[in-house]
Protein backbone atom coordinates (compact mmCIF):
# COMPACT_ATOMS: atom_id res chain seq x y z
CA UNK A 1 -10.75 3.59 -9.35
CA UNK A 2 -8.93 0.36 -10.16
CA UNK A 3 -5.92 0.54 -12.48
CA UNK A 4 -5.52 -3.22 -12.92
CA UNK A 5 -5.97 -4.82 -16.32
CA UNK A 6 -8.26 -7.84 -16.06
CA UNK A 7 -9.54 -9.70 -19.09
CA UNK A 8 -13.31 -10.29 -18.99
CA UNK A 9 -13.91 -14.04 -19.14
CA UNK A 10 -16.44 -15.97 -21.17
CA UNK A 11 -18.89 -18.16 -19.17
CA UNK A 12 -16.93 -21.23 -20.30
CA UNK A 13 -13.64 -19.73 -19.13
CA UNK A 14 -15.24 -18.71 -15.86
CA UNK A 15 -16.38 -22.28 -15.26
CA UNK A 16 -12.92 -23.65 -16.04
CA UNK A 17 -11.35 -21.04 -13.77
CA UNK A 18 -13.54 -22.22 -10.89
CA UNK A 19 -12.90 -25.88 -11.66
CA UNK A 20 -9.13 -25.42 -11.59
CA UNK A 21 -9.25 -23.62 -8.27
CA UNK A 22 -11.61 -26.24 -6.83
CA UNK A 23 -9.22 -28.98 -7.95
CA UNK A 24 -6.32 -27.20 -6.27
CA UNK A 25 -8.34 -27.05 -3.08
CA UNK A 26 -9.18 -30.75 -3.23
CA UNK A 27 -5.51 -31.72 -3.73
CA UNK A 28 -4.47 -29.59 -0.74
CA UNK A 29 -7.19 -30.93 1.58
CA UNK A 30 -6.11 -34.49 0.71
CA UNK A 31 -2.60 -33.66 1.95
CA UNK A 32 -3.61 -32.31 5.38
CA UNK A 33 -2.25 -34.28 8.29
CA UNK A 34 0.21 -34.48 11.14
CA UNK A 35 2.54 -31.76 9.86
CA UNK A 36 -0.35 -29.24 10.02
CA UNK A 37 -1.45 -30.42 13.48
CA UNK A 38 2.11 -30.23 14.82
CA UNK A 39 2.51 -26.74 13.38
CA UNK A 40 -0.55 -25.18 15.04
CA UNK A 41 0.27 -26.85 18.36
CA UNK A 42 3.78 -25.38 18.22
CA UNK A 43 2.34 -21.94 17.60
CA UNK A 44 -0.11 -22.32 20.49
CA UNK A 45 2.77 -23.34 22.77
CA UNK A 46 4.88 -20.42 21.52
CA UNK A 47 2.06 -17.98 22.32
CA UNK A 48 1.79 -19.41 25.82
CA UNK A 49 5.52 -19.21 26.60
CA UNK A 50 6.18 -15.85 24.92
CA UNK A 51 3.23 -14.36 26.83
CA UNK A 52 4.44 -15.84 30.13
CA UNK A 53 8.00 -14.59 29.61
CA UNK A 54 6.73 -11.14 28.61
CA UNK A 55 4.57 -10.85 31.71
CA UNK A 56 7.45 -12.03 33.95
CA UNK A 57 9.71 -9.36 32.47
CA UNK A 58 7.06 -6.72 33.13
CA UNK A 59 6.94 -7.80 36.78
CA UNK A 60 10.75 -7.81 36.98
CA UNK A 61 10.87 -4.31 35.56
CA UNK A 62 8.05 -2.97 37.71
CA UNK A 63 9.11 -4.53 41.02
CA UNK A 64 12.85 -5.04 40.55
CA UNK A 65 13.23 -1.65 38.90
CA UNK A 66 12.03 0.00 42.11
CA UNK A 67 15.19 -1.31 43.83
CA UNK A 68 17.65 -1.64 40.92
CA UNK A 69 16.98 1.34 38.70
CA UNK A 70 18.79 0.10 35.57
CA UNK A 71 16.40 -2.90 35.39
CA UNK A 72 13.27 -0.82 34.88
CA UNK A 73 13.37 0.30 31.25
CA UNK A 74 15.05 -2.75 29.61
CA UNK A 75 12.78 -5.24 31.40
CA UNK A 76 9.58 -3.25 30.89
CA UNK A 77 10.25 -2.57 27.21
CA UNK A 78 11.25 -6.19 26.49
CA UNK A 79 8.27 -7.49 28.43
CA UNK A 80 5.84 -5.23 26.59
CA UNK A 81 7.21 -6.16 23.17
CA UNK A 82 7.06 -9.90 23.95
CA UNK A 83 3.53 -9.61 25.29
CA UNK A 84 2.49 -7.68 22.18
CA UNK A 85 4.10 -10.33 19.99
CA UNK A 86 2.21 -13.10 21.83
CA UNK A 87 -1.07 -11.22 21.43
CA UNK A 88 -0.46 -10.75 17.68
CA UNK A 89 0.29 -14.45 17.18
CA UNK A 90 -2.72 -15.52 19.22
CA UNK A 91 -5.00 -13.13 17.37
CA UNK A 92 -3.85 -13.80 13.83
CA UNK A 93 -2.18 -17.20 13.49
CA UNK A 94 -4.25 -18.97 16.14
CA UNK A 95 -7.58 -17.26 16.87
CA UNK A 96 -8.52 -16.02 13.41
CA UNK A 97 -7.47 -19.21 11.64
CA UNK A 98 -8.87 -21.64 14.21
CA UNK A 99 -12.26 -19.87 14.17
CA UNK A 100 -12.40 -20.39 10.40
CA UNK A 101 -12.49 -24.12 11.13
CA UNK A 102 -9.04 -24.67 9.62
CA UNK A 103 -8.23 -27.31 12.23
CA UNK A 104 -11.65 -28.83 12.91
CA UNK A 105 -10.51 -32.05 11.21
CA UNK A 106 -8.14 -32.60 14.18
CA UNK A 107 -11.12 -33.09 16.54
CA UNK A 108 -9.17 -31.15 19.21
CA UNK A 109 -11.67 -29.37 21.53
CA UNK A 110 -9.10 -26.61 22.17
CA UNK A 111 -8.88 -25.89 18.44
CA UNK A 112 -12.57 -26.17 17.58
CA UNK A 113 -13.56 -23.36 15.24
CA UNK A 114 -17.15 -23.30 16.55
CA UNK A 115 -16.19 -22.72 20.21
CA UNK A 116 -12.74 -21.08 20.24
CA UNK A 117 -12.63 -17.78 22.14
CA UNK A 118 -9.76 -15.43 21.44
CA UNK A 119 -7.85 -12.91 23.55
CA UNK A 120 -9.61 -9.69 22.49
CA UNK A 121 -12.74 -7.85 23.62
CA UNK A 122 -14.77 -9.10 20.62
CA UNK A 123 -16.71 -12.34 21.03
CA UNK A 124 -15.87 -15.32 18.87
CA UNK A 125 -19.55 -15.89 18.07
CA UNK A 126 -20.05 -12.40 16.64
CA UNK A 127 -16.83 -12.68 14.61
CA UNK A 128 -17.94 -16.00 13.15
CA UNK A 129 -21.11 -14.28 11.92
CA UNK A 130 -19.82 -10.92 10.66
CA UNK A 131 -16.50 -12.17 9.32
CA UNK A 132 -16.65 -15.88 8.56
CA UNK A 133 -20.13 -15.77 7.06
CA UNK A 134 -21.02 -12.26 5.89
CA UNK A 135 -17.59 -11.02 4.81
CA UNK A 136 -16.28 -14.23 3.27
CA UNK A 137 -19.52 -15.03 1.48
CA UNK A 138 -20.23 -11.52 0.19
CA UNK A 139 -16.70 -10.09 -0.01
CA UNK A 140 -16.81 -6.44 -1.08
CA UNK A 141 -20.47 -6.53 -2.10
CA UNK A 142 -22.00 -3.19 -1.10
CA UNK A 143 -24.89 -3.56 1.30
CA UNK A 144 -23.95 -7.15 2.15
CA UNK A 145 -20.36 -6.95 3.45
CA UNK A 146 -20.09 -4.75 6.54
CA UNK A 147 -16.28 -4.81 6.34
CA UNK A 148 -16.39 -2.21 3.57
CA UNK A 149 -15.35 0.73 5.71
CA UNK A 150 -16.75 -0.90 8.88
CA UNK A 151 -19.53 1.70 8.91
CA UNK A 152 -16.96 4.41 9.68
CA UNK A 153 -14.83 4.97 6.59
CA UNK A 154 -15.47 5.74 2.93
CA UNK A 155 -12.82 3.78 1.03
CA UNK A 156 -14.43 3.45 -2.38
CA UNK A 157 -16.05 6.13 -4.58
CA UNK A 158 -19.09 3.85 -4.90
CA UNK A 159 -19.92 4.62 -1.25
CA UNK A 160 -22.19 7.66 -0.89
CA UNK A 161 -20.28 10.69 0.36
CA UNK A 162 -21.35 12.60 3.48
CA UNK A 163 -19.68 15.53 5.21
CA UNK A 164 -18.93 13.20 8.14
CA UNK A 165 -16.25 11.52 6.02
CA UNK A 166 -14.11 14.66 6.09
CA UNK A 167 -13.11 13.48 9.56
CA UNK A 168 -12.04 10.04 8.42
CA UNK A 169 -8.25 10.62 8.38
CA UNK A 170 -8.53 11.25 12.13
CA UNK A 171 -11.13 8.51 12.62
CA UNK A 172 -8.93 5.99 10.80
CA UNK A 173 -6.08 6.58 13.25
CA UNK A 174 -8.36 6.19 16.27
CA UNK A 175 -9.91 3.09 14.69
CA UNK A 176 -6.47 1.51 14.26
CA UNK A 177 -5.59 2.10 17.93
CA UNK A 178 -8.95 0.75 19.14
CA UNK A 179 -9.42 -1.86 16.41
CA UNK A 180 -10.48 -4.71 18.72
CA UNK A 181 -13.25 -2.48 20.11
CA UNK A 182 -14.50 -1.70 16.62
CA UNK A 183 -14.62 -5.41 15.86
CA UNK A 184 -16.41 -6.01 19.17
CA UNK A 185 -19.30 -3.65 18.42
CA UNK A 186 -19.56 -4.33 14.67
CA UNK A 187 -22.38 -6.87 15.00
CA UNK A 188 -24.27 -4.60 17.44
CA UNK A 189 -24.98 -2.17 14.58
CA UNK A 190 -24.94 0.80 16.92
CA UNK A 191 -25.88 3.16 14.08
CA UNK A 192 -29.25 1.46 13.65
CA UNK A 193 -29.90 1.76 17.39
CA UNK A 194 -28.97 5.47 17.43
CA UNK A 195 -31.29 6.00 14.45
CA UNK A 196 -34.17 4.37 16.35
CA UNK A 197 -34.28 1.31 14.04
CA UNK A 198 -33.42 -1.08 16.89
CA UNK A 199 -35.23 -1.11 20.24
CA UNK A 200 -33.38 -0.61 23.51
CA UNK A 201 -34.42 -4.07 24.62
CA UNK A 202 -33.09 -5.72 21.46
CA UNK A 203 -29.84 -3.78 21.73
CA UNK A 204 -29.42 -4.81 25.36
CA UNK A 205 -29.90 -8.49 24.48
CA UNK A 206 -27.20 -8.23 21.82
CA UNK A 207 -24.87 -6.27 24.09
CA UNK A 208 -24.96 -8.62 27.11
CA UNK A 209 -22.51 -11.26 25.74
CA UNK A 210 -20.32 -8.54 24.23
CA UNK A 211 -20.28 -6.59 27.50
CA UNK A 212 -19.43 -9.77 29.39
CA UNK A 213 -16.45 -10.41 27.11
CA UNK A 214 -15.30 -6.80 27.37
CA UNK A 215 -15.45 -6.97 31.16
CA UNK A 216 -13.47 -10.21 31.23
CA UNK A 217 -10.68 -8.76 29.07
CA UNK A 218 -10.53 -5.48 30.99
CA UNK A 219 -10.38 -7.36 34.30
CA UNK A 220 -7.57 -9.65 33.10
CA UNK A 221 -5.29 -7.07 31.47
CA UNK A 222 -5.95 -3.96 33.55
CA UNK A 223 -6.86 -5.26 37.01
CA UNK A 224 -5.72 -8.81 37.81
CA UNK A 225 -2.26 -8.85 36.23
CA UNK A 226 -1.36 -5.32 37.40
CA UNK A 227 -2.62 -6.21 40.89
CA UNK A 228 -0.04 -9.03 41.08
CA UNK A 229 2.65 -6.32 41.12
CA UNK A 230 1.08 -4.72 44.21
CA UNK A 231 2.11 -1.08 44.65
CA UNK A 232 4.22 -1.32 41.49
CA UNK A 233 1.16 -2.03 39.33
CA UNK A 234 1.39 0.98 36.99
CA UNK A 235 4.21 -0.26 34.68
CA UNK A 236 2.41 -3.62 34.33
CA UNK A 237 -0.89 -1.90 33.49
CA UNK A 238 0.80 0.38 30.93
CA UNK A 239 2.69 -2.58 29.44
CA UNK A 240 -0.58 -4.47 28.94
CA UNK A 241 -2.19 -1.40 27.38
CA UNK A 242 0.69 -0.87 24.93
CA UNK A 243 0.76 -4.58 24.01
CA UNK A 244 -2.95 -4.45 23.15
CA UNK A 245 -2.47 -1.31 21.06
CA UNK A 246 0.47 -2.95 19.25
CA UNK A 247 -1.76 -5.88 18.37
CA UNK A 248 -4.63 -3.59 17.30
CA UNK A 249 -2.51 -1.42 14.99
CA UNK A 250 -0.77 -4.39 13.39
CA UNK A 251 -4.04 -6.26 12.82
CA UNK A 252 -5.66 -3.15 11.32
CA UNK A 253 -2.68 -2.60 9.01
CA UNK A 254 -2.65 -6.18 7.73
CA UNK A 255 -6.42 -6.35 7.22
CA UNK A 256 -6.61 -3.00 5.44
CA UNK A 257 -3.68 -3.93 3.18
CA UNK A 258 -5.55 -7.09 2.25
CA UNK A 259 -8.78 -5.32 1.29
CA UNK A 260 -8.28 -1.66 0.39
CA UNK A 261 -5.35 -1.23 -1.99
CA UNK A 262 -5.72 0.71 -5.24
CA UNK A 263 -6.74 -2.21 -7.44
CA UNK A 264 -9.27 -3.78 -5.06
CA UNK A 265 -12.85 -3.50 -6.33
CA UNK A 266 -16.34 -3.38 -4.82
CA UNK A 267 -19.44 -4.88 -6.39
CA UNK A 268 -23.17 -4.08 -6.53
CA UNK A 269 -25.71 -6.53 -5.12
CA UNK A 270 -26.97 -7.50 -8.55
CA UNK A 271 -23.49 -8.83 -9.48
CA UNK A 272 -23.95 -11.84 -7.19
CA UNK A 273 -27.35 -12.86 -8.50
CA UNK A 274 -27.12 -16.52 -9.65
CA UNK A 275 -23.38 -16.37 -8.97
CA UNK A 276 -21.41 -19.41 -10.19
CA UNK A 277 -18.42 -20.92 -8.41
CA UNK A 278 -16.02 -19.40 -10.93
CA UNK A 279 -17.68 -16.01 -10.58
CA UNK A 280 -17.31 -16.25 -6.78
CA UNK A 281 -13.59 -16.97 -7.10
CA UNK A 282 -13.15 -14.07 -9.51
CA UNK A 283 -14.93 -11.69 -7.15
CA UNK A 284 -12.73 -12.86 -4.27
CA UNK A 285 -9.63 -12.27 -6.39
CA UNK A 286 -10.62 -8.74 -7.35
CA UNK A 287 -11.60 -7.93 -3.77
CA UNK A 288 -8.27 -8.99 -2.23
CA UNK A 289 -4.57 -8.07 -2.12
CA UNK A 290 -1.45 -9.86 -0.88
CA UNK A 291 1.73 -8.82 0.92
CA UNK A 292 5.27 -9.92 0.13
CA UNK A 293 7.87 -10.43 2.85
CA UNK A 294 8.66 -14.11 3.31
CA UNK A 295 8.14 -16.56 6.16
CA UNK A 296 8.31 -14.07 9.02
CA UNK A 297 5.73 -11.83 7.37
CA UNK A 298 3.53 -14.88 6.82
CA UNK A 299 3.80 -15.91 10.47
CA UNK A 300 3.20 -12.44 11.92
CA UNK A 301 0.16 -11.86 9.71
CA UNK A 302 -1.39 -15.25 10.41
CA UNK A 303 -0.62 -15.88 6.73
CA UNK A 304 -3.04 -13.09 5.78
CA UNK A 305 -0.10 -11.86 3.72
CA UNK A 306 -1.83 -14.30 1.33
CA UNK A 307 -5.24 -12.66 1.53
CA UNK A 308 -6.19 -13.85 -1.97
CA UNK A 309 -5.60 -17.48 -1.03
CA UNK A 310 -7.38 -16.94 2.28
CA UNK A 311 -10.46 -15.60 0.49
CA UNK A 312 -10.35 -18.58 -1.87
CA UNK A 313 -9.81 -21.18 0.84
CA UNK A 314 -10.70 -19.76 4.30
CA UNK A 315 -11.02 -23.18 5.96
CA UNK A 316 -7.68 -24.61 4.76
CA UNK A 317 -4.80 -24.29 7.29
CA UNK A 318 -3.20 -20.93 6.55
CA UNK A 319 0.34 -22.35 6.65
CA UNK A 320 -0.53 -23.89 3.26
CA UNK A 321 -1.22 -20.53 1.59
CA UNK A 322 2.37 -19.80 0.54
CA UNK A 323 2.53 -23.04 -1.44
CA UNK A 324 -0.98 -22.54 -2.82
CA UNK A 325 -0.06 -19.00 -3.93
CA UNK A 326 2.41 -20.32 -6.53
CA UNK A 327 -0.32 -22.25 -8.37
CA UNK A 328 -3.03 -19.66 -7.76
CA UNK A 329 -0.90 -16.94 -9.33
CA UNK A 330 -0.12 -19.15 -12.32
CA UNK A 331 -3.82 -19.93 -12.85
CA UNK A 332 -4.76 -16.25 -12.59
CA UNK A 333 -2.07 -15.38 -15.13
CA UNK A 334 -3.35 -17.92 -17.65
CA UNK A 335 -6.83 -16.42 -17.43
CA UNK A 336 -5.56 -12.84 -17.76
CA UNK A 337 -6.41 -11.82 -14.19
CA UNK A 338 -4.38 -9.36 -12.14
CA UNK A 339 -2.83 -10.86 -8.98
CA UNK A 340 -2.49 -7.92 -6.57
CA UNK A 341 0.63 -8.24 -4.39
CA UNK A 342 3.34 -5.94 -3.04
CA UNK A 343 5.43 -4.96 -0.05
CA UNK A 344 3.83 -3.72 3.18
CA UNK A 345 5.00 -0.10 2.64
CA UNK A 346 3.69 -0.10 -0.94
CA UNK A 347 0.31 -1.62 -0.12
CA UNK A 348 -0.26 0.45 3.02
CA UNK A 349 0.62 3.65 1.15
CA UNK A 350 -2.23 2.82 -1.23
CA UNK A 351 -4.55 2.29 1.76
CA UNK A 352 -3.60 5.69 3.19
CA UNK A 353 -4.27 7.30 -0.19
CA UNK A 354 -7.74 5.73 -0.29
CA UNK A 355 -8.50 7.04 3.20
CA UNK A 356 -7.38 10.57 2.30
CA UNK A 357 -8.82 10.72 -1.22
CA UNK A 358 -12.28 9.38 -0.47
CA UNK A 359 -12.73 11.55 2.59
CA UNK A 360 -13.60 14.07 -0.12
CA UNK A 361 -16.30 13.72 -2.80
CA UNK A 362 -15.24 11.33 -5.56
CA UNK A 363 -16.91 9.49 -8.40
CA UNK A 364 -16.38 5.88 -9.48
CA UNK A 365 -14.70 5.21 -12.78
CA UNK A 366 -15.96 2.85 -15.43
CA UNK A 367 -16.48 -0.59 -13.90
CA UNK A 368 -14.76 -3.45 -15.69
CA UNK A 369 -17.06 -6.44 -16.18
CA UNK A 370 -16.21 -9.88 -14.83
CA UNK A 371 -17.77 -11.66 -17.80
CA UNK A 372 -17.62 -10.62 -21.46
CA UNK A 373 -20.87 -8.88 -22.39
CA UNK A 374 -21.11 -10.50 -25.83
CA UNK A 375 -20.59 -13.91 -24.27
CA UNK A 376 -23.38 -13.29 -21.79
CA UNK A 377 -25.72 -12.29 -24.61
CA UNK A 378 -24.86 -15.48 -26.51
CA UNK A 379 -25.41 -17.59 -23.39
């Protein structure tokens, strides 16, 4: 149950709310230019060089450590950490943001949101459908946004309870470790196939591109790169595995902190019927949460530390979110709307509480309306 105090808006206020946020978007888009292009190209270069240096250190540790024992642990640990860092940056600041079309205006084929393919087992095409379209259009609308629990977790009392959810504290940990695999199979809707609602042939057609991407990633990280170390392949293989798990856990943590803190709300399907622009913004606000932490937190989260601004403006370069947040928060304050933000430990503690609490039967509290009931009746 949400504890935030949000003032229900009149239809007129809701329209003005949307107009102000639209105007802020237009001013920001008009400012996009070389500084944004230079930034993303620097990040892409950083990913390339950090990844290369990390892999070289893994080889130095694996091969050199066999002859100079003191080299093994420092080189392998440093190499693994750098490789994990590169994978996090590629996943969050490059892949996620590029695939939202944030840099399509550059006309750079390597940064084209419609064709970019990122360094995880999930396909870019499936992500563009389940995340860019379904999640960002129908954020936290039950039955329309598959990101509410990802079909595995009960995170809101509005979700129907089943005995299966008693296992979710354990499932949540496994999901964090294997997060890229969960993302990869999300669009396959395996549950429908297991229930006999999808034919084997249809499932196979959907799985082929996903299976191809999985095979490519497994071959790269767990066969080709380890093979370059010859008989000393094991430390390289383990380093790649740990780097992927680092990226998975961090991505899971950031995403869950942005969507499942105490004050985040879910909405019934009927709430989006004839939804206005202002109403859409308000739903995005109440379905999102931010993280504090400064520039390094922004960089390492792909600027999803500003999840509210990302839900408002998913196709604006994410490096702009910190500046946008100042005005967004001021606008929300003037309209009496709670702006959910906090430190990573604080927000993630709330996520953990949701996971534990709603593993057990729970009932939703009274839902606060987005629009004043008397104003709706007058309209």
